[in-house]
Structure formats: structure tokens, C-alpha cells
Amino acid sequence: MVVYTRSKVAQLLRIDFIRFCMVGGSGFVINFVILTLLHKFGHAPVFIAQLVGAEFALFSNFLLHHNWTYRNKKINKSIPSLLAQFHASSWPAILGSAVMVDAGVRFLHLNNLAALVVSSLIALMWNFGWSKFVIWKNVTDKQIKEIAG
């Protein structure tokens, strides 16, 4: 029974993680396109271009996570509450990413894409943990009944 349960939990984690990574991949593309447009063609500083690109990607990721990655989760939170939590948990990674991209471009002489790949891989586990285990955490039927009164 324990082996069966462990196997099922591992299977569910893989599916959520795969979906999470697919959504993150689309966010990565959005971020990179905006970063490149703002920096190369708009002549914005890399740090600012990365922050703007990350915010667009973040909002896209939120919509996709809510409507696809975690759509089967039982949650007892409003959309504004979820969005606020998602932003609050993601912004430390976004700021860290902007610093890493800026440092990678300026000091390590990486191109925007390479710097963004490195920073995105570092932020991946932070973002997955927060989204799966805090923001879209399953609420049991018993908890829903207790909240409802």
C-alpha cells in the first residue's frame, strides 16, 4: 500500500512538474522576446528590460497555471488572491533573475539568452515549490466544509 501510494504521488508530481515546465517555457519565450526588443531595439538597460519581460511572462504564466497546470486543484481562494500570492512569491525570483541576467551580460559577457537560461534554471525550483505547495495547494473537502461554516 505504501509503495503504491508513493508511486502515485511521484506520478502526480511529475505531471504537475512537466506542465509547470511547459508553462515556464512559454513564459521564457515571452520574457526573452520582450527583453530583446526592449534592450536591443529600445535601448533600455538590461536590468529594466528583464524586469518588464519577466512581468509579462509572469502574468501569462499565472493564467496558464490557473487554467491548465493546476486546474484540477481544489482551492478556496479568489482569483485576485491567487494572483497576489503568485506575484508575491515570484517577485523575489524575478528580481534575482534581473540581477543575474544583468550581471551575466555585464560581467561575464554572456548574451541575453545565455544569461536568461542560467537565471531561469536557478529560479525554477523556487517558483515550482511556491506554486504547487502554497498558492494552488489542494484544500480537502473537510477543510472546505470547515471554512464554509
C-alpha atoms as a PDB file:
ATOM      1  CA  MET A   1       0.000   0.000   0.000  1.00  0.00           C
ATOM      2  CA  VAL A   2       2.800   2.458   0.891  1.00  0.00           C
ATOM      3  CA  VAL A   3       4.697   1.627  -2.322  1.00  0.00           C
ATOM      4  CA  TYR A   4       1.520   2.133  -4.362  1.00  0.00           C
ATOM      5  CA  THR A   5       0.827   5.483  -2.663  1.00  0.00           C
ATOM      6  CA  ARG A   6       4.418   6.632  -3.095  1.00  0.00           C
ATOM      7  CA  SER A   7       4.261   5.663  -6.773  1.00  0.00           C
ATOM      8  CA  LYS A   8       1.035   7.629  -7.306  1.00  0.00           C
ATOM      9  CA  VAL A   9       2.397  10.705  -5.535  1.00  0.00           C
ATOM     10  CA  ALA A  10       5.575  10.580  -7.641  1.00  0.00           C
ATOM     11  CA  GLN A  11       3.467  10.256 -10.793  1.00  0.00           C
ATOM     12  CA  LEU A  12       1.344  13.285  -9.867  1.00  0.00           C
ATOM     13  CA  LEU A  13       4.412  15.367  -9.071  1.00  0.00           C
ATOM     14  CA  ARG A  14       5.913  14.531 -12.448  1.00  0.00           C
ATOM     15  CA  ILE A  15       2.771  15.562 -14.291  1.00  0.00           C
ATOM     16  CA  ASP A  16       2.483  18.867 -12.446  1.00  0.00           C
ATOM     17  CA  PHE A  17       6.186  19.483 -12.915  1.00  0.00           C
ATOM     18  CA  ILE A  18       6.013  18.732 -16.636  1.00  0.00           C
ATOM     19  CA  ARG A  19       3.069  21.088 -17.032  1.00  0.00           C
ATOM     20  CA  PHE A  20       4.822  23.670 -14.886  1.00  0.00           C
ATOM     21  CA  CYS A  21       7.917  23.462 -17.090  1.00  0.00           C
ATOM     22  CA  MET A  22       5.850  23.728 -20.282  1.00  0.00           C
ATOM     23  CA  VAL A  23       4.163  26.873 -18.991  1.00  0.00           C
ATOM     24  CA  GLY A  24       7.529  28.160 -17.816  1.00  0.00           C
ATOM     25  CA  GLY A  25       8.932  27.515 -21.286  1.00  0.00           C
ATOM     26  CA  SER A  26       6.256  29.691 -22.859  1.00  0.00           C
ATOM     27  CA  GLY A  27       6.961  32.365 -20.241  1.00  0.00           C
ATOM     28  CA  PHE A  28      10.658  32.087 -21.028  1.00  0.00           C
ATOM     29  CA  VAL A  29       9.961  32.820 -24.712  1.00  0.00           C
ATOM     30  CA  ILE A  30       7.751  35.798 -23.826  1.00  0.00           C
ATOM     31  CA  ASN A  31      10.397  37.101 -21.426  1.00  0.00           C
ATOM     32  CA  PHE A  32      13.210  36.672 -23.933  1.00  0.00           C
ATOM     33  CA  VAL A  33      11.343  38.374 -26.779  1.00  0.00           C
ATOM     34  CA  ILE A  34      10.434  41.394 -24.643  1.00  0.00           C
ATOM     35  CA  LEU A  35      13.912  41.543 -23.084  1.00  0.00           C
ATOM     36  CA  THR A  36      15.493  41.512 -26.543  1.00  0.00           C
ATOM     37  CA  LEU A  37      13.090  44.051 -28.029  1.00  0.00           C
ATOM     38  CA  LEU A  38      13.478  46.487 -25.161  1.00  0.00           C
ATOM     39  CA  HIS A  39      17.243  46.095 -24.803  1.00  0.00           C
ATOM     40  CA  LYS A  40      18.436  45.719 -28.396  1.00  0.00           C
ATOM     41  CA  PHE A  41      15.913  47.894 -30.175  1.00  0.00           C
ATOM     42  CA  GLY A  42      14.539  50.116 -27.406  1.00  0.00           C
ATOM     43  CA  HIS A  43      17.990  50.649 -25.848  1.00  0.00           C
ATOM     44  CA  ALA A  44      16.621  50.046 -22.343  1.00  0.00           C
ATOM     45  CA  PRO A  45      19.130  48.876 -19.719  1.00  0.00           C
ATOM     46  CA  VAL A  46      19.253  45.075 -19.429  1.00  0.00           C
ATOM     47  CA  PHE A  47      18.018  45.177 -15.837  1.00  0.00           C
ATOM     48  CA  ILE A  48      14.885  47.187 -16.741  1.00  0.00           C
ATOM     49  CA  ALA A  49      14.242  45.187 -19.916  1.00  0.00           C
ATOM     50  CA  GLN A  50      14.454  41.972 -17.882  1.00  0.00           C
ATOM     51  CA  LEU A  51      12.016  43.243 -15.246  1.00  0.00           C
ATOM     52  CA  VAL A  52       9.452  44.250 -17.875  1.00  0.00           C
ATOM     53  CA  GLY A  53       9.856  40.985 -19.795  1.00  0.00           C
ATOM     54  CA  ALA A  54       9.558  38.994 -16.588  1.00  0.00           C
ATOM     55  CA  GLU A  55       6.332  40.768 -15.589  1.00  0.00           C
ATOM     56  CA  PHE A  56       4.687  39.963 -18.925  1.00  0.00           C
ATOM     57  CA  ALA A  57       5.853  36.359 -18.638  1.00  0.00           C
ATOM     58  CA  LEU A  58       4.665  36.191 -15.030  1.00  0.00           C
ATOM     59  CA  PHE A  59       1.140  37.248 -15.908  1.00  0.00           C
ATOM     60  CA  SER A  60       0.997  34.791 -18.809  1.00  0.00           C
ATOM     61  CA  ASN A  61       2.304  32.014 -16.537  1.00  0.00           C
ATOM     62  CA  PHE A  62      -0.318  32.817 -13.916  1.00  0.00           C
ATOM     63  CA  LEU A  63      -3.134  32.487 -16.450  1.00  0.00           C
ATOM     64  CA  LEU A  64      -1.780  29.214 -17.842  1.00  0.00           C
ATOM     65  CA  HIS A  65      -1.090  27.723 -14.407  1.00  0.00           C
ATOM     66  CA  HIS A  66      -4.543  28.615 -13.160  1.00  0.00           C
ATOM     67  CA  ASN A  67      -6.349  27.339 -16.242  1.00  0.00           C
ATOM     68  CA  TRP A  68      -4.185  24.337 -17.092  1.00  0.00           C
ATOM     69  CA  THR A  69      -1.354  23.275 -14.760  1.00  0.00           C
ATOM     70  CA  TYR A  70      -3.404  23.362 -11.553  1.00  0.00           C
ATOM     71  CA  ARG A  71      -6.959  23.406 -12.922  1.00  0.00           C
ATOM     72  CA  ASN A  72      -7.892  20.229 -11.036  1.00  0.00           C
ATOM     73  CA  LYS A  73      -6.765  21.542  -7.667  1.00  0.00           C
ATOM     74  CA  LYS A  74      -9.437  22.238  -5.090  1.00  0.00           C
ATOM     75  CA  ILE A  75      -8.644  25.698  -3.826  1.00  0.00           C
ATOM     76  CA  ASN A  76     -10.561  28.139  -1.716  1.00  0.00           C
ATOM     77  CA  LYS A  77      -9.042  31.395  -2.950  1.00  0.00           C
ATOM     78  CA  SER A  78     -10.291  34.146  -5.219  1.00  0.00           C
ATOM     79  CA  ILE A  79      -8.522  34.939  -8.489  1.00  0.00           C
ATOM     80  CA  PRO A  80      -7.226  38.280  -7.101  1.00  0.00           C
ATOM     81  CA  SER A  81      -5.877  36.469  -4.041  1.00  0.00           C
ATOM     82  CA  LEU A  82      -4.174  33.825  -6.186  1.00  0.00           C
ATOM     83  CA  LEU A  83      -2.705  36.495  -8.463  1.00  0.00           C
ATOM     84  CA  ALA A  84      -1.396  38.481  -5.481  1.00  0.00           C
ATOM     85  CA  GLN A  85       0.173  35.365  -3.936  1.00  0.00           C
ATOM     86  CA  PHE A  86       1.669  34.324  -7.268  1.00  0.00           C
ATOM     87  CA  HIS A  87       3.207  37.746  -7.765  1.00  0.00           C
ATOM     88  CA  ALA A  88       4.463  37.982  -4.185  1.00  0.00           C
ATOM     89  CA  SER A  89       6.137  34.580  -4.390  1.00  0.00           C
ATOM     90  CA  SER A  90       7.507  35.153  -7.889  1.00  0.00           C
ATOM     91  CA  TRP A  91       8.970  38.616  -7.468  1.00  0.00           C
ATOM     92  CA  PRO A  92      11.973  37.502  -5.390  1.00  0.00           C
ATOM     93  CA  ALA A  93      12.861  35.159  -8.266  1.00  0.00           C
ATOM     94  CA  ILE A  94      12.197  37.918 -10.825  1.00  0.00           C
ATOM     95  CA  LEU A  95      14.414  40.411  -9.020  1.00  0.00           C
ATOM     96  CA  GLY A  96      17.079  37.753  -8.583  1.00  0.00           C
ATOM     97  CA  SER A  97      16.762  36.874 -12.249  1.00  0.00           C
ATOM     98  CA  ALA A  98      17.110  40.513 -13.301  1.00  0.00           C
ATOM     99  CA  VAL A  99      20.252  40.840 -11.193  1.00  0.00           C
ATOM    100  CA  MET A 100      21.644  37.561 -12.588  1.00  0.00           C
ATOM    101  CA  VAL A 101      20.869  38.496 -16.215  1.00  0.00           C
ATOM    102  CA  ASP A 102      22.347  41.955 -15.776  1.00  0.00           C
ATOM    103  CA  ALA A 103      25.479  40.551 -14.097  1.00  0.00           C
ATOM    104  CA  GLY A 104      25.807  37.792 -16.683  1.00  0.00           C
ATOM    105  CA  VAL A 105      25.648  40.281 -19.543  1.00  0.00           C
ATOM    106  CA  ARG A 106      27.831  42.955 -17.935  1.00  0.00           C
ATOM    107  CA  PHE A 107      30.473  40.985 -16.092  1.00  0.00           C
ATOM    108  CA  LEU A 108      30.520  37.532 -17.680  1.00  0.00           C
ATOM    109  CA  HIS A 109      29.865  38.886 -21.185  1.00  0.00           C
ATOM    110  CA  LEU A 110      27.082  36.370 -21.807  1.00  0.00           C
ATOM    111  CA  ASN A 111      24.453  37.190 -24.382  1.00  0.00           C
ATOM    112  CA  ASN A 112      20.913  37.875 -23.165  1.00  0.00           C
ATOM    113  CA  LEU A 113      19.726  34.349 -23.969  1.00  0.00           C
ATOM    114  CA  ALA A 114      22.519  32.564 -22.100  1.00  0.00           C
ATOM    115  CA  ALA A 115      22.140  34.825 -19.077  1.00  0.00           C
ATOM    116  CA  LEU A 116      18.373  34.305 -19.068  1.00  0.00           C
ATOM    117  CA  VAL A 117      18.736  30.498 -19.319  1.00  0.00           C
ATOM    118  CA  VAL A 118      21.063  30.406 -16.303  1.00  0.00           C
ATOM    119  CA  SER A 119      18.833  32.647 -14.199  1.00  0.00           C
ATOM    120  CA  SER A 120      15.682  30.746 -15.210  1.00  0.00           C
ATOM    121  CA  LEU A 121      17.124  27.384 -14.200  1.00  0.00           C
ATOM    122  CA  ILE A 122      18.052  28.777 -10.797  1.00  0.00           C
ATOM    123  CA  ALA A 123      14.556  30.248 -10.270  1.00  0.00           C
ATOM    124  CA  LEU A 124      12.735  27.106 -11.473  1.00  0.00           C
ATOM    125  CA  MET A 125      12.638  25.177  -8.204  1.00  0.00           C
ATOM    126  CA  TRP A 126      11.705  28.227  -6.110  1.00  0.00           C
ATOM    127  CA  ASN A 127       8.761  29.003  -8.357  1.00  0.00           C
ATOM    128  CA  PHE A 128       7.579  25.390  -8.621  1.00  0.00           C
ATOM    129  CA  GLY A 129       7.628  24.881  -4.860  1.00  0.00           C
ATOM    130  CA  TRP A 130       5.663  28.036  -4.149  1.00  0.00           C
ATOM    131  CA  SER A 131       3.080  27.485  -6.871  1.00  0.00           C
ATOM    132  CA  LYS A 132       2.401  23.811  -6.165  1.00  0.00           C
ATOM    133  CA  PHE A 133       2.644  23.655  -2.394  1.00  0.00           C
ATOM    134  CA  VAL A 134       1.443  27.101  -1.337  1.00  0.00           C
ATOM    135  CA  ILE A 135      -0.532  29.008  -3.956  1.00  0.00           C
ATOM    136  CA  TRP A 136      -2.504  26.193  -5.622  1.00  0.00           C
ATOM    137  CA  LYS A 137      -2.350  23.850  -2.614  1.00  0.00           C
ATOM    138  CA  ASN A 138      -5.221  21.385  -2.541  1.00  0.00           C
ATOM    139  CA  VAL A 139      -7.901  22.045   0.035  1.00  0.00           C
ATOM    140  CA  THR A 140      -9.667  18.922   1.304  1.00  0.00           C
ATOM    141  CA  ASP A 141     -13.448  18.600   1.302  1.00  0.00           C
ATOM    142  CA  LYS A 142     -13.327  18.677   5.112  1.00  0.00           C
ATOM    143  CA  GLN A 143     -11.388  21.966   5.063  1.00  0.00           C
ATOM    144  CA  ILE A 144     -13.878  23.446   2.596  1.00  0.00           C
ATOM    145  CA  LYS A 145     -16.769  22.486   4.910  1.00  0.00           C
ATOM    146  CA  GLU A 146     -14.958  23.992   7.925  1.00  0.00           C
ATOM    147  CA  ILE A 147     -14.316  27.244   6.064  1.00  0.00           C
ATOM    148  CA  ALA A 148     -17.918  27.400   4.822  1.00  0.00           C
ATOM    149  CA  GLY A 149     -19.103  27.020   8.390  1.00  0.00           C
END
